Amino acid sequence: MAKIGKSYKSQGLNIVAWLTGVIVSLAVGFGLIGGTLSVPYIGIVNVIAGWLVIVTTLVGVVMILFNK
């Protein structure tokens, strides 16, 4: 018998992986803004990159929530 759709286990793992990605992205973004993390040799661009990561992550979250 063919399976229709994804199993609950697969959906749960996808949600956990997506949520982990969001949390890591936000942590990296805030780390770049706060100076805890940095990319060598690019100076102030670290802060801009941090804001870019945070904004794009939040836009992605909003897009997913409105898509469901």
C-alpha atoms as a PDB file:
ATOM      1  CA  MET A   1       0.000   0.000   0.000  1.00  0.00           C
ATOM      2  CA  ALA A   2       1.379   3.404  -0.993  1.00  0.00           C
ATOM      3  CA  LYS A   3       1.886   6.090   1.615  1.00  0.00           C
ATOM      4  CA  ILE A   4      -0.025   9.310   1.076  1.00  0.00           C
ATOM      5  CA  GLY A   5       1.685  12.433   2.407  1.00  0.00           C
ATOM      6  CA  LYS A   6       4.377  12.569   5.029  1.00  0.00           C
ATOM      7  CA  SER A   7       4.345  10.623   8.248  1.00  0.00           C
ATOM      8  CA  TYR A   8       3.925  12.428  11.551  1.00  0.00           C
ATOM      9  CA  LYS A   9       7.457  11.432  12.502  1.00  0.00           C
ATOM     10  CA  SER A  10       8.874  13.005   9.353  1.00  0.00           C
ATOM     11  CA  GLN A  11       6.827  16.178   9.837  1.00  0.00           C
ATOM     12  CA  GLY A  12       7.981  16.435  13.448  1.00  0.00           C
ATOM     13  CA  LEU A  13      11.632  16.088  12.437  1.00  0.00           C
ATOM     14  CA  ASN A  14      11.177  18.743   9.754  1.00  0.00           C
ATOM     15  CA  ILE A  15       9.710  21.157  12.307  1.00  0.00           C
ATOM     16  CA  VAL A  16      12.536  20.492  14.763  1.00  0.00           C
ATOM     17  CA  ALA A  17      15.170  21.007  12.048  1.00  0.00           C
ATOM     18  CA  TRP A  18      13.513  24.238  10.863  1.00  0.00           C
ATOM     19  CA  LEU A  19      13.188  25.591  14.405  1.00  0.00           C
ATOM     20  CA  THR A  20      16.827  24.736  15.120  1.00  0.00           C
ATOM     21  CA  GLY A  21      17.857  26.625  11.993  1.00  0.00           C
ATOM     22  CA  VAL A  22      15.864  29.681  13.062  1.00  0.00           C
ATOM     23  CA  ILE A  23      17.377  29.667  16.552  1.00  0.00           C
ATOM     24  CA  VAL A  24      20.925  29.243  15.212  1.00  0.00           C
ATOM     25  CA  SER A  25      20.398  32.002  12.629  1.00  0.00           C
ATOM     26  CA  LEU A  26      19.164  34.411  15.291  1.00  0.00           C
ATOM     27  CA  ALA A  27      22.055  33.491  17.589  1.00  0.00           C
ATOM     28  CA  VAL A  28      24.578  34.149  14.812  1.00  0.00           C
ATOM     29  CA  GLY A  29      22.889  37.422  13.854  1.00  0.00           C
ATOM     30  CA  PHE A  30      22.836  38.739  17.405  1.00  0.00           C
ATOM     31  CA  GLY A  31      26.405  37.515  17.926  1.00  0.00           C
ATOM     32  CA  LEU A  32      27.573  39.487  14.898  1.00  0.00           C
ATOM     33  CA  ILE A  33      25.733  42.606  16.062  1.00  0.00           C
ATOM     34  CA  GLY A  34      26.987  42.361  19.642  1.00  0.00           C
ATOM     35  CA  GLY A  35      30.577  41.647  18.652  1.00  0.00           C
ATOM     36  CA  THR A  36      30.698  38.164  20.174  1.00  0.00           C
ATOM     37  CA  LEU A  37      31.166  36.714  16.687  1.00  0.00           C
ATOM     38  CA  SER A  38      33.037  38.320  13.846  1.00  0.00           C
ATOM     39  CA  VAL A  39      34.347  37.576  10.402  1.00  0.00           C
ATOM     40  CA  PRO A  40      38.005  38.625  10.219  1.00  0.00           C
ATOM     41  CA  TYR A  41      39.018  41.581   8.047  1.00  0.00           C
ATOM     42  CA  ILE A  42      35.541  42.989   7.364  1.00  0.00           C
ATOM     43  CA  GLY A  43      35.101  45.263  10.396  1.00  0.00           C
ATOM     44  CA  ILE A  44      31.797  47.152  10.556  1.00  0.00           C
ATOM     45  CA  VAL A  45      30.317  44.887   7.891  1.00  0.00           C
ATOM     46  CA  ASN A  46      29.901  42.319  10.687  1.00  0.00           C
ATOM     47  CA  VAL A  47      27.114  44.434  12.187  1.00  0.00           C
ATOM     48  CA  ILE A  48      25.444  44.888   8.805  1.00  0.00           C
ATOM     49  CA  ALA A  49      25.692  41.153   8.143  1.00  0.00           C
ATOM     50  CA  GLY A  50      24.195  40.451  11.576  1.00  0.00           C
ATOM     51  CA  TRP A  51      21.193  42.678  10.872  1.00  0.00           C
ATOM     52  CA  LEU A  52      20.800  41.080   7.455  1.00  0.00           C
ATOM     53  CA  VAL A  53      20.735  37.605   9.011  1.00  0.00           C
ATOM     54  CA  ILE A  54      18.156  38.650  11.616  1.00  0.00           C
ATOM     55  CA  VAL A  55      15.880  40.444   9.154  1.00  0.00           C
ATOM     56  CA  THR A  56      15.927  37.642   6.590  1.00  0.00           C
ATOM     57  CA  THR A  57      15.309  35.039   9.290  1.00  0.00           C
ATOM     58  CA  LEU A  58      12.308  36.941  10.632  1.00  0.00           C
ATOM     59  CA  VAL A  59      10.948  37.484   7.119  1.00  0.00           C
ATOM     60  CA  GLY A  60      11.273  33.748   6.502  1.00  0.00           C
ATOM     61  CA  VAL A  61       9.428  32.937   9.732  1.00  0.00           C
ATOM     62  CA  VAL A  62       6.591  35.326   8.855  1.00  0.00           C
ATOM     63  CA  MET A  63       6.354  33.874   5.344  1.00  0.00           C
ATOM     64  CA  ILE A  64       6.110  30.333   6.697  1.00  0.00           C
ATOM     65  CA  LEU A  65       3.496  31.280   9.291  1.00  0.00           C
ATOM     66  CA  PHE A  66       1.275  33.040   6.740  1.00  0.00           C
ATOM     67  CA  ASN A  67       1.719  30.186   4.263  1.00  0.00           C
ATOM     68  CA  LYS A  68       0.283  27.613   6.680  1.00  0.00           C
END
